[in-house]
Protein backbone atom coordinates (compact mmCIF):
# COMPACT_ATOMS: atom_id res chain seq x y z
CA MET A 1 -9.00 6.07 -20.48
CA THR A 2 -11.71 6.85 -17.93
CA GLU A 3 -14.47 5.58 -20.28
CA GLN A 4 -13.54 2.00 -19.29
CA PRO A 5 -14.31 0.68 -15.83
CA ILE A 6 -11.72 1.69 -13.26
CA ILE A 7 -9.63 -1.09 -11.78
CA TYR A 8 -9.43 -1.21 -7.98
CA LEU A 9 -6.11 -2.37 -6.42
CA ILE A 10 -6.48 -3.29 -2.80
CA ASP A 11 -3.66 -3.10 -0.26
CA ALA A 12 -5.15 -5.89 1.92
CA SER A 13 -2.74 -5.81 4.86
CA VAL A 14 -3.68 -2.26 5.80
CA TYR A 15 -7.33 -3.28 6.41
CA ILE A 16 -6.50 -6.60 8.04
CA PHE A 17 -4.19 -4.96 10.53
CA ARG A 18 -6.80 -2.20 11.14
CA ALA A 19 -9.43 -4.86 11.98
CA TRP A 20 -6.92 -6.76 14.17
CA HIS A 21 -6.22 -3.68 16.33
CA SER A 22 -9.78 -2.32 16.37
CA ILE A 23 -12.11 -5.32 16.73
CA PRO A 24 -11.95 -7.27 20.05
CA ASP A 25 -10.25 -10.64 19.84
CA HIS A 26 -12.98 -12.44 21.73
CA MET A 27 -14.57 -13.11 18.31
CA LYS A 28 -13.87 -16.82 17.83
CA THR A 29 -14.43 -19.56 15.30
CA ALA A 30 -16.34 -22.72 16.20
CA GLN A 31 -12.88 -24.18 17.21
CA GLY A 32 -12.14 -21.22 19.48
CA GLU A 33 -9.59 -19.49 17.30
CA PRO A 34 -9.66 -15.58 17.02
CA CYS A 35 -11.31 -14.39 13.78
CA ASN A 36 -11.65 -10.66 14.46
CA ALA A 37 -9.24 -9.57 11.71
CA VAL A 38 -10.92 -11.61 8.95
CA TYR A 39 -14.38 -10.49 10.21
CA GLY A 40 -13.31 -6.85 9.84
CA PHE A 41 -11.70 -7.55 6.44
CA ALA A 42 -14.83 -9.36 5.27
CA GLY A 43 -16.93 -6.26 6.09
CA PHE A 44 -14.43 -4.01 4.28
CA ILE A 45 -14.51 -6.36 1.16
CA ALA A 46 -18.32 -6.49 1.24
CA ASP A 47 -18.49 -2.64 1.26
CA MET A 48 -15.84 -2.53 -1.56
CA LEU A 49 -17.73 -4.93 -3.77
CA LYS A 50 -20.96 -2.99 -3.26
CA ARG A 51 -19.40 0.40 -4.01
CA SER A 52 -17.19 -0.77 -6.89
CA ASN A 53 -19.68 -3.00 -8.66
CA PRO A 54 -19.17 -4.20 -11.35
CA ASP A 55 -15.60 -2.87 -11.78
CA PRO A 56 -12.59 -5.26 -11.39
CA LEU A 57 -11.02 -5.59 -8.01
CA LEU A 58 -7.49 -7.11 -7.38
CA VAL A 59 -6.15 -7.79 -3.89
CA ALA A 60 -2.51 -7.79 -2.84
CA PHE A 61 -1.25 -9.34 0.40
CA ASP A 62 2.09 -9.04 2.27
CA GLU A 63 3.41 -12.54 2.81
CA SER A 64 6.36 -11.70 5.00
CA LEU A 65 7.75 -8.66 6.89
CA SER A 66 11.42 -9.91 6.67
CA SER A 67 12.02 -11.63 3.37
CA SER A 68 11.46 -9.08 0.63
CA PHE A 69 14.20 -7.81 -1.73
CA ARG A 70 14.44 -4.70 0.47
CA ASN A 71 15.72 -6.76 3.40
CA GLU A 72 18.60 -7.89 1.14
CA ILE A 73 19.43 -4.28 0.51
CA PHE A 74 18.98 -3.10 4.10
CA PRO A 75 18.64 -5.91 6.74
CA ASP A 76 17.10 -3.50 9.21
CA TYR A 77 14.19 -2.71 6.88
CA LYS A 78 10.98 -3.03 8.98
CA ALA A 79 13.14 -4.50 11.79
CA ASN A 80 11.27 -2.25 14.24
CA ARG A 81 8.03 -4.18 13.69
CA PRO A 82 7.28 -7.13 15.97
CA PRO A 83 6.59 -10.44 14.23
CA ALA A 84 2.89 -11.04 13.49
CA PRO A 85 1.40 -13.40 16.11
CA ILE A 86 0.38 -16.82 14.89
CA GLU A 87 -3.27 -15.95 15.54
CA LEU A 88 -2.99 -13.18 12.95
CA LYS A 89 -1.09 -15.19 10.40
CA ARG A 90 -3.91 -17.82 10.35
CA GLN A 91 -6.37 -15.01 9.67
CA PHE A 92 -4.44 -13.84 6.60
CA GLN A 93 -4.98 -17.28 5.18
CA TRP A 94 -8.81 -17.01 5.84
CA CYS A 95 -8.79 -13.62 4.15
CA GLN A 96 -7.19 -15.12 1.06
CA GLN A 97 -9.70 -17.97 1.08
CA LEU A 98 -12.43 -15.32 1.32
CA CYS A 99 -11.10 -13.52 -1.76
CA GLU A 100 -10.92 -16.83 -3.65
CA ALA A 101 -14.52 -17.70 -2.76
CA LEU A 102 -15.68 -14.25 -3.81
CA GLY A 103 -14.03 -14.69 -7.21
CA LEU A 104 -11.38 -11.98 -6.65
CA HIS A 105 -7.89 -12.15 -8.11
CA TRP A 106 -5.43 -12.12 -5.21
CA GLN A 107 -1.70 -12.59 -4.79
CA ALA A 108 1.02 -12.75 -2.23
CA ASP A 109 4.81 -13.32 -2.70
CA SER A 110 7.70 -13.93 -0.28
CA SER A 111 10.07 -11.66 -2.29
CA TRP A 112 7.72 -8.80 -3.22
CA GLU A 113 5.51 -6.70 -0.97
CA ALA A 114 1.93 -5.89 -1.63
CA ASP A 115 3.07 -2.39 -2.81
CA ASP A 116 5.26 -3.98 -5.50
CA LEU A 117 2.42 -6.23 -6.69
CA ILE A 118 0.19 -3.20 -6.94
CA GLY A 119 2.83 -1.24 -8.73
CA THR A 120 3.17 -3.89 -11.48
CA TRP A 121 -0.61 -4.36 -11.73
CA SER A 122 -0.95 -0.58 -12.07
CA ALA A 123 1.47 -0.51 -14.93
CA MET A 124 -0.23 -3.41 -16.60
CA ALA A 125 -3.63 -1.62 -16.30
CA LYS A 126 -2.19 1.55 -17.76
CA SER A 127 -0.74 -0.35 -20.67
CA ARG A 128 -4.35 -1.42 -21.45
CA GLY A 129 -5.68 2.12 -21.18
CA ARG A 130 -7.29 1.58 -17.72
CA ALA A 131 -7.23 3.93 -14.81
CA VAL A 132 -6.72 2.60 -11.26
CA SER A 133 -7.90 3.41 -7.83
CA ILE A 134 -5.39 2.23 -5.21
CA VAL A 135 -7.24 1.45 -2.01
CA THR A 136 -4.85 1.95 0.93
CA ARG A 137 -3.80 4.22 3.78
CA ASP A 138 -0.11 3.90 2.77
CA LYS A 139 1.43 7.12 1.47
CA ASP A 140 4.15 5.10 -0.27
CA LEU A 141 1.68 4.07 -3.01
CA ALA A 142 1.00 7.70 -3.88
CA GLN A 143 4.00 7.55 -6.16
CA LEU A 144 1.97 5.29 -8.57
CA ILE A 145 -0.79 7.82 -9.21
CA THR A 146 -1.12 9.51 -12.65
CA PRO A 147 -3.68 12.19 -13.61
CA GLN A 148 -6.28 9.55 -14.42
CA ASP A 149 -5.92 7.61 -11.14
CA GLN A 150 -6.77 8.03 -7.46
CA LEU A 151 -5.42 7.08 -4.11
CA TRP A 152 -8.42 6.06 -1.99
CA ASP A 153 -8.23 5.88 1.83
CA PHE A 154 -11.41 3.88 2.16
CA ALA A 155 -11.75 4.09 5.91
CA ALA A 156 -11.71 7.86 5.80
CA ASP A 157 -13.42 7.96 2.40
CA LYS A 158 -10.76 10.33 1.19
CA ARG A 159 -9.69 10.17 -2.47
CA LEU A 160 -6.62 11.97 -3.80
CA ASP A 161 -5.75 12.53 -7.42
CA SER A 162 -2.35 13.93 -8.48
CA ASP A 163 -3.26 17.54 -7.50
CA GLY A 164 -4.52 16.21 -4.08
CA ILE A 165 -1.28 14.44 -3.47
CA LYS A 166 0.65 17.59 -4.30
CA ALA A 167 -1.48 19.58 -1.91
CA GLN A 168 -1.12 17.06 0.91
CA PHE A 169 2.62 16.31 0.62
CA GLY A 170 4.03 19.31 -1.19
CA VAL A 171 5.39 17.12 -3.99
CA TRP A 172 3.96 15.42 -7.07
CA PRO A 173 3.35 11.62 -7.14
CA GLU A 174 6.47 11.00 -9.20
CA GLN A 175 8.51 12.73 -6.44
CA ILE A 176 7.16 10.66 -3.49
CA ALA A 177 9.92 8.05 -3.54
CA ASP A 178 12.57 10.78 -3.45
CA TYR A 179 10.60 12.71 -0.76
CA LEU A 180 10.57 9.54 1.49
CA ALA A 181 14.25 8.95 0.85
CA LEU A 182 14.99 12.40 2.22
CA THR A 183 12.61 12.32 5.21
CA GLY A 184 12.89 8.67 5.94
CA ASP A 185 9.99 6.55 7.13
CA ALA A 186 9.84 5.49 10.76
CA VAL A 187 7.02 3.01 10.02
CA ASP A 188 9.28 0.99 7.69
CA ASN A 189 12.54 1.83 9.44
CA ILE A 190 13.92 3.63 6.44
CA PRO A 191 16.68 6.01 7.67
CA GLY A 192 16.45 8.98 5.26
CA VAL A 193 18.69 12.00 5.88
CA ALA A 194 19.06 12.98 9.54
CA GLY A 195 17.54 16.35 10.22
CA VAL A 196 15.54 16.63 6.99
CA GLY A 197 11.82 16.88 7.65
CA PRO A 198 8.81 17.09 5.38
CA LYS A 199 8.96 20.83 4.81
CA ALA A 200 12.65 20.78 3.85
CA ALA A 201 12.21 17.74 1.66
CA SER A 202 9.30 19.44 -0.15
CA ALA A 203 11.27 22.62 -0.62
CA LEU A 204 14.27 20.66 -2.03
CA LEU A 205 12.16 18.81 -4.53
CA GLN A 206 10.19 21.90 -5.59
CA ALA A 207 13.50 23.57 -6.31
CA PHE A 208 15.46 20.69 -7.79
CA ASP A 209 12.85 18.18 -8.93
CA THR A 210 14.70 14.89 -8.11
CA LEU A 211 17.04 13.48 -5.45
CA GLU A 212 19.78 13.26 -7.97
CA GLN A 213 19.39 16.94 -8.82
CA VAL A 214 19.45 17.86 -5.20
CA TYR A 215 22.91 16.30 -4.87
CA GLU A 216 24.19 17.62 -8.15
CA ARG A 217 23.20 21.22 -7.12
CA LEU A 218 24.15 21.08 -3.42
CA ASP A 219 25.89 24.43 -3.67
CA GLU A 220 22.53 26.08 -4.41
CA VAL A 221 20.83 24.67 -1.29
CA PRO A 222 21.86 27.49 1.11
CA ASP A 223 20.07 29.97 -1.14
CA LEU A 224 16.65 28.24 -0.74
CA ALA A 225 13.89 30.21 0.95
CA VAL A 226 13.55 27.59 3.71
CA ARG A 227 14.35 27.71 7.39
CA GLY A 228 17.83 26.38 8.11
CA ALA A 229 18.90 26.36 4.48
CA LYS A 230 22.49 27.00 5.30
CA SER A 231 22.78 23.99 7.61
CA LEU A 232 20.63 21.90 5.27
CA LYS A 233 23.55 21.56 2.84
CA LEU A 234 25.73 20.06 5.65
CA LYS A 235 22.98 17.60 6.56
CA LEU A 236 22.61 16.51 3.01
CA GLU A 237 26.38 16.06 2.56
CA ALA A 238 26.54 13.95 5.70
CA GLY A 239 23.51 11.87 4.70
CA ARG A 240 24.35 11.29 1.07
CA GLU A 241 24.85 7.57 1.45
CA GLN A 242 21.74 7.14 3.53
CA ALA A 243 19.69 9.11 1.11
CA PHE A 244 20.51 6.97 -1.93
CA LEU A 245 20.23 3.80 0.17
CA SER A 246 16.76 4.92 1.21
CA ARG A 247 15.78 5.66 -2.33
CA ARG A 248 16.41 2.03 -3.24
CA LEU A 249 13.91 1.11 -0.48
CA THR A 250 11.17 3.69 -1.20
CA GLY A 251 10.85 3.11 -4.92
CA ILE A 252 8.10 0.74 -6.03
CA PRO A 253 8.95 -1.46 -9.07
CA ARG A 254 6.45 -1.68 -11.84
CA ASP A 255 7.88 -4.38 -14.03
CA LEU A 256 7.87 -7.58 -11.90
CA PRO A 257 7.54 -10.85 -13.81
CA LEU A 258 4.07 -11.52 -12.57
CA PRO A 259 1.50 -13.66 -14.31
CA GLU A 260 -1.28 -11.82 -16.04
CA PRO A 261 -3.96 -11.10 -13.43
CA VAL A 262 -7.59 -12.00 -13.94
CA TRP A 263 -8.98 -8.55 -14.73
CA GLN A 264 -12.65 -9.57 -14.50
CA ARG A 265 -14.30 -10.93 -11.43
CA ARG A 266 -15.01 -14.65 -11.46
CA PRO A 267 -18.45 -15.99 -10.32
CA VAL A 268 -18.80 -16.26 -6.58
CA ASP A 269 -18.43 -19.78 -5.30
CA HIS A 270 -21.43 -19.67 -2.90
CA ALA A 271 -20.82 -23.14 -1.53
CA ALA A 272 -17.22 -22.37 -0.63
CA LEU A 273 -18.29 -19.09 0.85
CA GLN A 274 -20.89 -20.79 3.02
CA ARG A 275 -18.35 -23.34 4.24
CA LEU A 276 -15.91 -20.56 5.18
CA CYS A 277 -18.62 -18.58 6.95
CA ASP A 278 -19.47 -21.80 8.90
CA GLU A 279 -15.82 -22.33 9.81
CA LEU A 280 -15.50 -18.77 11.01
CA ALA A 281 -18.82 -18.87 12.88
CA PHE A 282 -19.95 -15.72 11.07
CA GLY A 283 -23.44 -14.46 12.01
CA SER A 284 -26.29 -13.82 9.61
CA GLY A 285 -25.48 -10.15 9.09
CA ILE A 286 -22.01 -10.45 7.56
CA ARG A 287 -22.96 -13.74 5.97
CA GLN A 288 -25.85 -12.23 4.07
CA ARG A 289 -23.70 -9.24 2.94
CA LEU A 290 -21.17 -11.59 1.47
CA LEU A 291 -23.56 -14.04 -0.10
CA ALA A 292 -25.40 -11.21 -1.81
CA PHE A 293 -22.83 -11.01 -4.58
């Protein structure tokens, strides 16, 4: 599998939001609109293209924080997040135009999150004997990693394979969705089981392998060599409904009816890229980095 070029799957929103919060918003287009997030994303993409050349690179965007299938399951999913300001929404569109001009396959969907697009692309790649590198800072996507793959936190330049994920979280990649269903996820407003933290969740899954097995073998929980094991059974009993609800939210589907992605990079549209750089009032430094491809 690894003899063929690796396929890079980019969780774009992570890097757009990172730029939005870290780069001053006094960066403006010629029309006076903020362009700090797209500037930061452009720098990230330029670095990715340089380091991944010539391997395929696919980019997934989140289109909405309140309209995915998970909101139908649990209306409060991500309800703790404020709506994206209009100045940021416009920059998402520029980031997509940037990917288009650079010849990169990108996709966004109102029903499916970027994680779900990446999950299905990952399954498609594996069916073709290709390994993937999922570029993100989101631990949810660790559940997609197989022994041939890697989870790459680009900003920290930290790459995790299956063993690295086990070392960091105490569970294997295929257990991550169950792990998050037990602990909950405050970032996404996923409830989990009240009182069950990372250490307890890791111990439970090491002992029983899956969430289903945890609940089928509840009577064995008090015997675990983990602090508070006796009360842990009571917490799990009280949180059974929340646990299985959360599991429906934490799992990433891998069989969405998506069109076949463009696995190879298309030629860069230098004219479109120049126009976009003009519109965004990009300086010569970032402009030259982008036009070099």
